[in-house]
Amino acid sequence: MSVVYHYTTAAGLAGILRDRAIEPRTASHRFDNFGAPAAVWFSSNRTWELACSATVGIGPGGELPRGVVPGHAFEAARITVRKSDTEPWQAGLLKHGVHWSVLLRLYSTAVDFGSDPTQWRVSLQPLLMERWTKVELWNDENWVALPVDGGFFTVAGLMNMAVAAVPGIAIAKEIGGRRDAV
């Protein structure tokens, strides 16, 4: 089975888990001013999508080398879906009536970030949790799968995983609470 990844933060993942869907949007990324429609973005890059570093606000302020996941342990997250549940980004955006010049600007911006736009895919519709094959957090060394609770990925599972793996971790308020560092 061929898969693609939706990269986000742990805080962003908490909201996605509460919604039980990855909703199409553009509000959080630098591509807004290019006229890109609301979409769910994916990449076939197995480590991290470099263009995502422009969207999620984690990691160093400077350039990120290839093959590096930004931020601290349990700050980066990703959701895996079947590639067949998405479409090539250019085709998806063109179907939505996006002008070819927008595609060119998106492509150029991606290349400036060191990204490979040939790895990009989109969905213009929400991707419901039932379509996800895996949810993972970066533990500073590897992608670690979030456990399934009663057939669903949950915010509680996200919190428990982070707290169990990193004693003394401060849980971001957006995730659902705070545990003071020791």
N, C-alpha and C. Protein backbone atom coordinates (compact mmCIF):
# COMPACT_ATOMS: atom_id res chain seq x y z
N MET A 1 0.85 -1.17 0.00
CA MET A 1 0.00 0.00 0.00
C MET A 1 0.89 1.24 0.00
N SER A 2 0.66 2.13 -0.92
CA SER A 2 1.41 3.37 -1.01
C SER A 2 0.73 4.42 -0.12
N VAL A 3 1.54 5.15 0.69
CA VAL A 3 0.98 6.10 1.65
C VAL A 3 1.61 7.48 1.48
N VAL A 4 0.92 8.49 2.04
CA VAL A 4 1.42 9.85 2.12
C VAL A 4 1.15 10.36 3.53
N TYR A 5 1.81 11.46 3.88
CA TYR A 5 1.79 11.96 5.26
C TYR A 5 1.30 13.40 5.32
N HIS A 6 0.46 13.68 6.31
CA HIS A 6 0.05 15.04 6.63
C HIS A 6 0.84 15.43 7.87
N TYR A 7 1.76 16.39 7.72
CA TYR A 7 2.61 16.82 8.83
C TYR A 7 1.98 17.99 9.57
N THR A 8 2.14 18.00 10.90
CA THR A 8 1.57 19.05 11.74
C THR A 8 2.33 19.09 13.06
N THR A 9 1.80 19.82 14.04
CA THR A 9 2.37 19.86 15.38
C THR A 9 1.50 19.01 16.30
N ALA A 10 1.99 18.75 17.51
CA ALA A 10 1.17 18.02 18.49
C ALA A 10 -0.09 18.83 18.82
N ALA A 11 0.06 20.15 18.94
CA ALA A 11 -1.12 20.99 19.21
C ALA A 11 -2.10 20.93 18.05
N GLY A 12 -1.60 21.00 16.82
CA GLY A 12 -2.46 20.89 15.65
C GLY A 12 -3.13 19.53 15.59
N LEU A 13 -2.36 18.50 15.94
CA LEU A 13 -2.90 17.13 15.95
C LEU A 13 -4.04 17.01 16.96
N ALA A 14 -3.90 17.65 18.11
CA ALA A 14 -4.96 17.58 19.13
C ALA A 14 -6.28 18.10 18.56
N GLY A 15 -6.22 19.22 17.83
CA GLY A 15 -7.43 19.76 17.21
C GLY A 15 -7.99 18.83 16.15
N ILE A 16 -7.12 18.24 15.37
CA ILE A 16 -7.53 17.29 14.33
C ILE A 16 -8.20 16.07 14.98
N LEU A 17 -7.62 15.58 16.08
CA LEU A 17 -8.20 14.43 16.78
C LEU A 17 -9.58 14.76 17.33
N ARG A 18 -9.73 15.97 17.88
CA ARG A 18 -11.04 16.38 18.40
C ARG A 18 -12.09 16.43 17.29
N ASP A 19 -11.67 16.92 16.11
CA ASP A 19 -12.59 17.00 14.96
C ASP A 19 -12.81 15.64 14.29
N ARG A 20 -11.90 14.71 14.55
CA ARG A 20 -11.91 13.39 13.90
C ARG A 20 -11.82 13.52 12.38
N ALA A 21 -11.17 14.59 11.93
CA ALA A 21 -10.99 14.83 10.50
C ALA A 21 -9.87 15.84 10.30
N ILE A 22 -9.16 15.70 9.18
CA ILE A 22 -8.22 16.73 8.76
C ILE A 22 -9.02 17.61 7.82
N GLU A 23 -9.26 18.84 8.24
CA GLU A 23 -10.08 19.77 7.46
C GLU A 23 -9.22 20.56 6.48
N PRO A 24 -9.71 20.78 5.27
CA PRO A 24 -8.98 21.64 4.33
C PRO A 24 -8.88 23.05 4.89
N ARG A 25 -7.71 23.66 4.75
CA ARG A 25 -7.54 25.04 5.20
C ARG A 25 -6.32 25.67 4.53
N THR A 26 -6.24 26.96 4.64
CA THR A 26 -5.07 27.69 4.16
C THR A 26 -4.62 28.72 5.18
N ALA A 27 -5.42 28.97 6.19
CA ALA A 27 -5.18 30.09 7.10
C ALA A 27 -3.82 30.09 7.78
N SER A 28 -3.20 28.94 7.93
CA SER A 28 -1.98 28.90 8.74
C SER A 28 -0.69 28.94 7.93
N HIS A 29 -0.77 28.98 6.62
CA HIS A 29 0.51 28.90 5.93
C HIS A 29 0.83 30.09 5.04
N ARG A 30 2.09 30.20 4.70
CA ARG A 30 2.62 31.34 3.94
C ARG A 30 2.16 31.36 2.50
N PHE A 31 1.49 30.30 2.06
CA PHE A 31 1.04 30.26 0.68
C PHE A 31 -0.29 30.99 0.49
N ASP A 32 -0.90 31.49 1.59
CA ASP A 32 -2.20 32.16 1.52
C ASP A 32 -2.24 33.24 0.45
N ASN A 33 -1.23 34.09 0.46
CA ASN A 33 -1.25 35.22 -0.45
C ASN A 33 -1.12 34.79 -1.91
N PHE A 34 -0.95 33.53 -2.17
CA PHE A 34 -0.84 33.05 -3.55
C PHE A 34 -2.19 32.65 -4.13
N GLY A 35 -3.24 32.68 -3.33
CA GLY A 35 -4.55 32.33 -3.84
C GLY A 35 -4.83 30.84 -3.87
N ALA A 36 -4.09 30.06 -3.10
CA ALA A 36 -4.35 28.62 -3.04
C ALA A 36 -5.65 28.37 -2.29
N PRO A 37 -6.48 27.46 -2.78
CA PRO A 37 -7.74 27.17 -2.09
C PRO A 37 -7.50 26.35 -0.82
N ALA A 38 -8.52 26.27 -0.01
CA ALA A 38 -8.45 25.41 1.17
C ALA A 38 -8.23 23.97 0.72
N ALA A 39 -7.24 23.33 1.30
CA ALA A 39 -6.91 21.95 0.93
C ALA A 39 -6.20 21.30 2.11
N VAL A 40 -6.21 19.98 2.12
CA VAL A 40 -5.39 19.21 3.05
C VAL A 40 -4.16 18.80 2.26
N TRP A 41 -2.99 19.17 2.77
CA TRP A 41 -1.73 18.90 2.06
C TRP A 41 -1.05 17.67 2.62
N PHE A 42 -0.45 16.90 1.71
CA PHE A 42 0.27 15.68 2.07
C PHE A 42 1.60 15.65 1.33
N SER A 43 2.50 14.82 1.83
CA SER A 43 3.79 14.61 1.17
C SER A 43 4.14 13.13 1.26
N SER A 44 4.85 12.65 0.25
CA SER A 44 5.34 11.27 0.30
C SER A 44 6.71 11.21 0.97
N ASN A 45 7.26 12.36 1.39
CA ASN A 45 8.53 12.38 2.11
C ASN A 45 8.35 11.69 3.45
N ARG A 46 9.13 10.65 3.69
CA ARG A 46 8.96 9.80 4.88
C ARG A 46 9.53 10.41 6.16
N THR A 47 10.36 11.45 6.04
CA THR A 47 10.98 12.03 7.22
C THR A 47 10.24 13.29 7.66
N TRP A 48 10.17 14.29 6.78
CA TRP A 48 9.53 15.57 7.09
C TRP A 48 9.39 16.33 5.78
N GLU A 49 8.31 17.05 5.63
CA GLU A 49 8.12 17.89 4.45
C GLU A 49 8.69 19.27 4.75
N LEU A 50 9.76 19.64 4.05
CA LEU A 50 10.44 20.90 4.32
C LEU A 50 9.52 22.11 4.17
N ALA A 51 8.62 22.10 3.21
CA ALA A 51 7.69 23.23 3.06
C ALA A 51 6.76 23.34 4.26
N CYS A 52 6.54 22.24 4.95
CA CYS A 52 5.70 22.26 6.15
C CYS A 52 6.33 23.11 7.25
N SER A 53 7.63 23.24 7.23
CA SER A 53 8.30 24.07 8.23
C SER A 53 7.84 25.52 8.12
N ALA A 54 7.35 25.91 6.97
CA ALA A 54 6.82 27.27 6.79
C ALA A 54 5.41 27.38 7.36
N THR A 55 4.78 26.26 7.62
CA THR A 55 3.38 26.28 8.01
C THR A 55 3.13 26.02 9.48
N VAL A 56 3.97 25.23 10.12
CA VAL A 56 3.63 24.78 11.46
C VAL A 56 4.35 25.52 12.58
N GLY A 57 5.36 26.28 12.27
CA GLY A 57 6.02 27.10 13.28
C GLY A 57 6.75 26.34 14.36
N ILE A 58 7.41 25.25 14.02
CA ILE A 58 8.28 24.58 14.99
C ILE A 58 9.66 24.44 14.40
N GLY A 59 10.61 24.25 15.27
CA GLY A 59 11.97 24.06 14.81
C GLY A 59 12.73 25.36 14.73
N PRO A 60 13.93 25.29 14.18
CA PRO A 60 14.78 26.47 14.11
C PRO A 60 14.21 27.51 13.16
N GLY A 61 14.59 28.77 13.37
CA GLY A 61 14.11 29.84 12.51
C GLY A 61 14.76 29.79 11.14
N GLY A 62 15.94 29.19 11.05
CA GLY A 62 16.66 29.13 9.78
C GLY A 62 16.28 27.93 8.95
N GLU A 63 17.08 27.69 7.93
CA GLU A 63 16.81 26.57 7.04
C GLU A 63 16.99 25.24 7.75
N LEU A 64 16.18 24.29 7.37
CA LEU A 64 16.24 22.96 7.94
C LEU A 64 16.86 22.02 6.92
N PRO A 65 17.91 21.28 7.28
CA PRO A 65 18.49 20.36 6.31
C PRO A 65 17.54 19.20 6.02
N ARG A 66 17.71 18.60 4.85
CA ARG A 66 16.89 17.42 4.49
C ARG A 66 17.10 16.30 5.51
N GLY A 67 16.04 15.54 5.73
CA GLY A 67 16.14 14.39 6.62
C GLY A 67 16.12 14.73 8.09
N VAL A 68 15.73 15.97 8.44
CA VAL A 68 15.68 16.39 9.84
C VAL A 68 14.24 16.74 10.20
N VAL A 69 13.79 16.28 11.35
CA VAL A 69 12.47 16.65 11.86
C VAL A 69 12.68 17.78 12.85
N PRO A 70 11.94 18.90 12.70
CA PRO A 70 12.18 20.05 13.56
C PRO A 70 11.57 19.93 14.95
N GLY A 71 12.02 20.82 15.84
CA GLY A 71 11.40 20.93 17.15
C GLY A 71 11.96 19.95 18.16
N HIS A 72 11.29 19.91 19.29
CA HIS A 72 11.67 19.03 20.39
C HIS A 72 10.86 17.74 20.32
N ALA A 73 11.22 16.81 21.18
CA ALA A 73 10.49 15.53 21.22
C ALA A 73 8.99 15.80 21.41
N PHE A 74 8.19 15.09 20.66
CA PHE A 74 6.73 15.12 20.72
C PHE A 74 6.14 16.48 20.33
N GLU A 75 6.87 17.25 19.53
CA GLU A 75 6.35 18.51 19.01
C GLU A 75 5.84 18.33 17.57
N ALA A 76 6.52 17.49 16.78
CA ALA A 76 6.10 17.22 15.40
C ALA A 76 5.21 15.99 15.37
N ALA A 77 4.22 16.02 14.48
CA ALA A 77 3.28 14.91 14.36
C ALA A 77 2.95 14.70 12.89
N ARG A 78 2.45 13.51 12.58
CA ARG A 78 2.01 13.25 11.21
C ARG A 78 0.88 12.22 11.22
N ILE A 79 0.06 12.33 10.18
CA ILE A 79 -1.04 11.39 9.97
C ILE A 79 -0.80 10.73 8.62
N THR A 80 -0.86 9.41 8.59
CA THR A 80 -0.64 8.64 7.37
C THR A 80 -1.98 8.25 6.76
N VAL A 81 -2.09 8.44 5.44
CA VAL A 81 -3.28 8.01 4.70
C VAL A 81 -2.83 7.30 3.43
N ARG A 82 -3.74 6.55 2.84
CA ARG A 82 -3.44 5.91 1.56
C ARG A 82 -3.29 6.97 0.47
N LYS A 83 -2.31 6.82 -0.36
CA LYS A 83 -2.08 7.76 -1.46
C LYS A 83 -3.32 7.87 -2.33
N SER A 84 -4.05 6.77 -2.47
CA SER A 84 -5.25 6.76 -3.33
C SER A 84 -6.37 7.65 -2.77
N ASP A 85 -6.28 8.08 -1.51
CA ASP A 85 -7.27 8.98 -0.92
C ASP A 85 -6.95 10.44 -1.21
N THR A 86 -5.87 10.67 -1.97
CA THR A 86 -5.45 12.02 -2.31
C THR A 86 -5.27 12.12 -3.82
N GLU A 87 -4.89 13.29 -4.29
CA GLU A 87 -4.60 13.45 -5.71
C GLU A 87 -3.38 14.34 -5.87
N PRO A 88 -2.72 14.28 -7.04
CA PRO A 88 -1.58 15.16 -7.26
C PRO A 88 -2.00 16.61 -7.02
N TRP A 89 -1.15 17.38 -6.36
CA TRP A 89 -1.52 18.73 -5.96
C TRP A 89 -1.89 19.63 -7.14
N GLN A 90 -1.14 19.53 -8.26
CA GLN A 90 -1.43 20.40 -9.40
C GLN A 90 -2.83 20.11 -9.95
N ALA A 91 -3.14 18.83 -10.13
CA ALA A 91 -4.44 18.44 -10.69
C ALA A 91 -5.57 18.86 -9.75
N GLY A 92 -5.38 18.64 -8.46
CA GLY A 92 -6.41 19.02 -7.49
C GLY A 92 -6.68 20.50 -7.48
N LEU A 93 -5.62 21.30 -7.52
CA LEU A 93 -5.79 22.75 -7.49
C LEU A 93 -6.36 23.27 -8.81
N LEU A 94 -5.92 22.69 -9.93
CA LEU A 94 -6.46 23.12 -11.22
C LEU A 94 -7.96 22.81 -11.31
N LYS A 95 -8.38 21.66 -10.78
CA LYS A 95 -9.81 21.32 -10.78
C LYS A 95 -10.61 22.35 -9.98
N HIS A 96 -9.95 22.96 -9.01
CA HIS A 96 -10.60 23.96 -8.17
C HIS A 96 -10.58 25.34 -8.82
N GLY A 97 -10.02 25.42 -10.03
CA GLY A 97 -10.01 26.67 -10.77
C GLY A 97 -8.84 27.60 -10.46
N VAL A 98 -7.81 27.05 -9.85
CA VAL A 98 -6.63 27.86 -9.53
C VAL A 98 -5.87 28.18 -10.81
N HIS A 99 -5.45 29.42 -10.94
CA HIS A 99 -4.71 29.86 -12.12
C HIS A 99 -3.33 29.22 -12.13
N TRP A 100 -2.81 28.92 -13.33
CA TRP A 100 -1.50 28.26 -13.45
C TRP A 100 -0.39 29.07 -12.78
N SER A 101 -0.53 30.39 -12.72
CA SER A 101 0.52 31.22 -12.10
C SER A 101 0.62 30.94 -10.60
N VAL A 102 -0.50 30.57 -9.97
CA VAL A 102 -0.49 30.21 -8.55
C VAL A 102 0.32 28.92 -8.36
N LEU A 103 0.10 27.97 -9.27
CA LEU A 103 0.86 26.71 -9.19
C LEU A 103 2.36 26.99 -9.32
N LEU A 104 2.71 27.87 -10.22
CA LEU A 104 4.11 28.21 -10.44
C LEU A 104 4.72 28.85 -9.19
N ARG A 105 3.97 29.76 -8.55
CA ARG A 105 4.48 30.41 -7.33
C ARG A 105 4.61 29.41 -6.19
N LEU A 106 3.64 28.51 -6.05
CA LEU A 106 3.73 27.48 -5.01
C LEU A 106 4.97 26.61 -5.25
N TYR A 107 5.16 26.22 -6.49
CA TYR A 107 6.31 25.38 -6.85
C TYR A 107 7.61 26.11 -6.53
N SER A 108 7.72 27.36 -6.93
CA SER A 108 8.95 28.14 -6.70
C SER A 108 9.23 28.32 -5.21
N THR A 109 8.18 28.61 -4.44
CA THR A 109 8.34 28.77 -3.00
C THR A 109 8.81 27.46 -2.37
N ALA A 110 8.25 26.35 -2.82
CA ALA A 110 8.65 25.04 -2.30
C ALA A 110 10.12 24.78 -2.56
N VAL A 111 10.55 25.04 -3.76
CA VAL A 111 11.95 24.82 -4.12
C VAL A 111 12.85 25.71 -3.27
N ASP A 112 12.42 26.95 -3.00
CA ASP A 112 13.18 27.85 -2.13
C ASP A 112 13.35 27.26 -0.73
N PHE A 113 12.37 26.50 -0.25
CA PHE A 113 12.44 25.87 1.06
C PHE A 113 13.23 24.56 1.02
N GLY A 114 13.64 24.14 -0.16
CA GLY A 114 14.36 22.88 -0.29
C GLY A 114 13.43 21.69 -0.42
N SER A 115 12.16 21.95 -0.66
CA SER A 115 11.16 20.91 -0.78
C SER A 115 11.13 20.34 -2.19
N ASP A 116 10.51 19.18 -2.34
CA ASP A 116 10.33 18.54 -3.64
C ASP A 116 8.84 18.46 -3.94
N PRO A 117 8.29 19.41 -4.71
CA PRO A 117 6.86 19.43 -4.98
C PRO A 117 6.33 18.18 -5.68
N THR A 118 7.21 17.38 -6.28
CA THR A 118 6.72 16.14 -6.90
C THR A 118 6.22 15.16 -5.84
N GLN A 119 6.55 15.41 -4.58
CA GLN A 119 6.10 14.55 -3.48
C GLN A 119 4.77 15.00 -2.89
N TRP A 120 4.25 16.13 -3.33
CA TRP A 120 3.04 16.70 -2.75
C TRP A 120 1.77 16.08 -3.31
N ARG A 121 0.76 15.99 -2.45
CA ARG A 121 -0.59 15.55 -2.82
C ARG A 121 -1.58 16.40 -2.03
N VAL A 122 -2.82 16.44 -2.47
CA VAL A 122 -3.84 17.21 -1.76
C VAL A 122 -5.15 16.44 -1.71
N SER A 123 -5.99 16.88 -0.79
CA SER A 123 -7.40 16.51 -0.77
C SER A 123 -8.15 17.82 -0.57
N LEU A 124 -9.14 18.07 -1.38
CA LEU A 124 -9.95 19.27 -1.23
C LEU A 124 -11.15 19.02 -0.33
N GLN A 125 -11.27 17.79 0.13
CA GLN A 125 -12.34 17.39 1.05
C GLN A 125 -11.72 17.00 2.38
N PRO A 126 -12.48 17.11 3.48
CA PRO A 126 -11.96 16.64 4.77
C PRO A 126 -11.61 15.15 4.68
N LEU A 127 -10.54 14.77 5.34
CA LEU A 127 -10.18 13.35 5.43
C LEU A 127 -10.56 12.85 6.82
N LEU A 128 -11.62 12.06 6.90
CA LEU A 128 -12.13 11.57 8.17
C LEU A 128 -11.18 10.55 8.79
N MET A 129 -11.23 10.46 10.11
CA MET A 129 -10.35 9.57 10.85
C MET A 129 -10.40 8.13 10.34
N GLU A 130 -11.54 7.70 9.86
CA GLU A 130 -11.68 6.33 9.34
C GLU A 130 -10.75 6.06 8.17
N ARG A 131 -10.29 7.11 7.49
CA ARG A 131 -9.40 6.97 6.33
C ARG A 131 -7.93 6.94 6.73
N TRP A 132 -7.61 7.29 7.97
CA TRP A 132 -6.22 7.35 8.42
C TRP A 132 -5.70 5.94 8.67
N THR A 133 -4.45 5.69 8.35
CA THR A 133 -3.87 4.38 8.63
C THR A 133 -2.96 4.41 9.86
N LYS A 134 -2.45 5.60 10.20
CA LYS A 134 -1.57 5.70 11.36
C LYS A 134 -1.44 7.16 11.77
N VAL A 135 -1.25 7.39 13.07
CA VAL A 135 -0.94 8.72 13.61
C VAL A 135 0.34 8.56 14.41
N GLU A 136 1.31 9.45 14.19
CA GLU A 136 2.61 9.31 14.85
C GLU A 136 3.12 10.64 15.38
N LEU A 137 3.96 10.52 16.41
CA LEU A 137 4.69 11.66 16.97
C LEU A 137 6.17 11.38 16.84
N TRP A 138 6.94 12.45 16.66
CA TRP A 138 8.40 12.33 16.58
C TRP A 138 8.94 12.38 18.00
N ASN A 139 9.69 11.35 18.43
CA ASN A 139 10.20 11.30 19.81
C ASN A 139 11.65 11.77 19.92
N ASP A 140 12.13 12.46 18.93
CA ASP A 140 13.49 12.99 18.83
C ASP A 140 14.44 11.99 18.19
N GLU A 141 13.96 10.79 17.89
CA GLU A 141 14.77 9.79 17.20
C GLU A 141 14.00 9.06 16.12
N ASN A 142 12.71 8.80 16.37
CA ASN A 142 11.88 8.00 15.47
C ASN A 142 10.44 8.50 15.49
N TRP A 143 9.68 8.10 14.47
CA TRP A 143 8.24 8.31 14.48
C TRP A 143 7.63 7.17 15.30
N VAL A 144 6.81 7.52 16.29
CA VAL A 144 6.21 6.55 17.21
C VAL A 144 4.69 6.61 17.04
N ALA A 145 4.09 5.44 16.82
CA ALA A 145 2.65 5.38 16.56
C ALA A 145 1.82 5.68 17.80
N LEU A 146 0.80 6.49 17.63
CA LEU A 146 -0.17 6.78 18.68
C LEU A 146 -1.09 5.56 18.80
N PRO A 147 -1.33 5.10 20.03
CA PRO A 147 -2.20 3.92 20.18
C PRO A 147 -3.65 4.26 19.82
N VAL A 148 -4.36 3.24 19.40
CA VAL A 148 -5.78 3.37 19.08
C VAL A 148 -6.56 3.03 20.34
N ASP A 149 -7.56 3.87 20.67
CA ASP A 149 -8.37 3.67 21.87
C ASP A 149 -9.82 3.49 21.44
N GLY A 150 -10.34 2.29 21.57
CA GLY A 150 -11.72 2.02 21.19
C GLY A 150 -11.99 2.25 19.71
N GLY A 151 -10.98 2.00 18.88
CA GLY A 151 -11.14 2.17 17.45
C GLY A 151 -10.84 3.57 16.96
N PHE A 152 -10.44 4.47 17.88
CA PHE A 152 -10.16 5.85 17.49
C PHE A 152 -8.82 6.30 18.04
N PHE A 153 -8.20 7.26 17.36
CA PHE A 153 -7.06 7.97 17.90
C PHE A 153 -7.64 9.08 18.76
N THR A 154 -7.12 9.30 19.97
CA THR A 154 -7.73 10.27 20.88
C THR A 154 -6.71 11.28 21.42
N VAL A 155 -7.23 12.42 21.88
CA VAL A 155 -6.39 13.43 22.53
C VAL A 155 -5.81 12.84 23.82
N ALA A 156 -6.62 12.07 24.55
CA ALA A 156 -6.13 11.44 25.78
C ALA A 156 -4.95 10.52 25.46
N GLY A 157 -5.06 9.76 24.39
CA GLY A 157 -3.96 8.89 23.98
C GLY A 157 -2.71 9.69 23.63
N LEU A 158 -2.90 10.83 22.98
CA LEU A 158 -1.80 11.72 22.65
C LEU A 158 -1.11 12.22 23.92
N MET A 159 -1.90 12.68 24.89
CA MET A 159 -1.34 13.18 26.15
C MET A 159 -0.62 12.07 26.91
N ASN A 160 -1.27 10.92 27.02
CA ASN A 160 -0.67 9.80 27.76
C ASN A 160 0.64 9.35 27.14
N MET A 161 0.68 9.32 25.82
CA MET A 161 1.88 8.89 25.13
C MET A 161 3.04 9.84 25.41
N ALA A 162 2.78 11.13 25.30
CA ALA A 162 3.83 12.13 25.52
C ALA A 162 4.30 12.12 26.97
N VAL A 163 3.38 12.04 27.92
CA VAL A 163 3.74 12.06 29.34
C VAL A 163 4.51 10.80 29.73
N ALA A 164 4.07 9.65 29.22
CA ALA A 164 4.75 8.39 29.55
C ALA A 164 6.16 8.33 28.97
N ALA A 165 6.32 8.88 27.78
CA ALA A 165 7.60 8.78 27.09
C ALA A 165 8.63 9.79 27.59
N VAL A 166 8.15 10.94 28.05
CA VAL A 166 9.07 12.00 28.48
C VAL A 166 8.68 12.46 29.87
N PRO A 167 9.21 11.83 30.91
CA PRO A 167 8.87 12.23 32.28
C PRO A 167 9.16 13.71 32.48
N GLY A 168 8.20 14.42 33.08
CA GLY A 168 8.39 15.83 33.35
C GLY A 168 8.04 16.73 32.18
N ILE A 169 7.49 16.16 31.11
CA ILE A 169 7.16 16.98 29.95
C ILE A 169 6.02 17.94 30.30
N ALA A 170 6.09 19.12 29.77
CA ALA A 170 5.01 20.10 29.93
C ALA A 170 4.06 19.91 28.75
N ILE A 171 2.82 19.58 29.02
CA ILE A 171 1.85 19.35 27.96
C ILE A 171 1.25 20.69 27.55
N ALA A 172 1.33 20.99 26.29
CA ALA A 172 0.82 22.27 25.78
C ALA A 172 -0.67 22.41 26.08
N LYS A 173 -1.07 23.62 26.45
CA LYS A 173 -2.46 23.90 26.77
C LYS A 173 -3.39 23.51 25.63
N GLU A 174 -2.92 23.71 24.37
CA GLU A 174 -3.74 23.40 23.22
C GLU A 174 -4.07 21.91 23.12
N ILE A 175 -3.20 21.08 23.71
CA ILE A 175 -3.42 19.64 23.64
C ILE A 175 -4.49 19.23 24.65
N GLY A 176 -4.62 20.00 25.71
CA GLY A 176 -5.68 19.65 26.64
C GLY A 176 -5.29 19.77 28.10
N GLY A 177 -4.15 20.34 28.38
CA GLY A 177 -3.80 20.47 29.78
C GLY A 177 -2.32 20.80 29.93
N ARG A 178 -1.90 20.83 31.17
CA ARG A 178 -0.50 21.10 31.44
C ARG A 178 -0.05 20.27 32.61
N ARG A 179 1.07 19.65 32.46
CA ARG A 179 1.70 18.94 33.57
C ARG A 179 3.02 19.67 33.80
N ASP A 180 3.17 20.24 34.95
CA ASP A 180 4.36 21.05 35.22
C ASP A 180 5.60 20.19 35.16
N ALA A 181 6.65 20.76 34.59
CA ALA A 181 7.92 20.06 34.50
C ALA A 181 8.51 19.90 35.89
N VAL A 182 9.20 18.78 36.09
CA VAL A 182 9.84 18.54 37.40
C VAL A 182 11.30 18.91 37.34
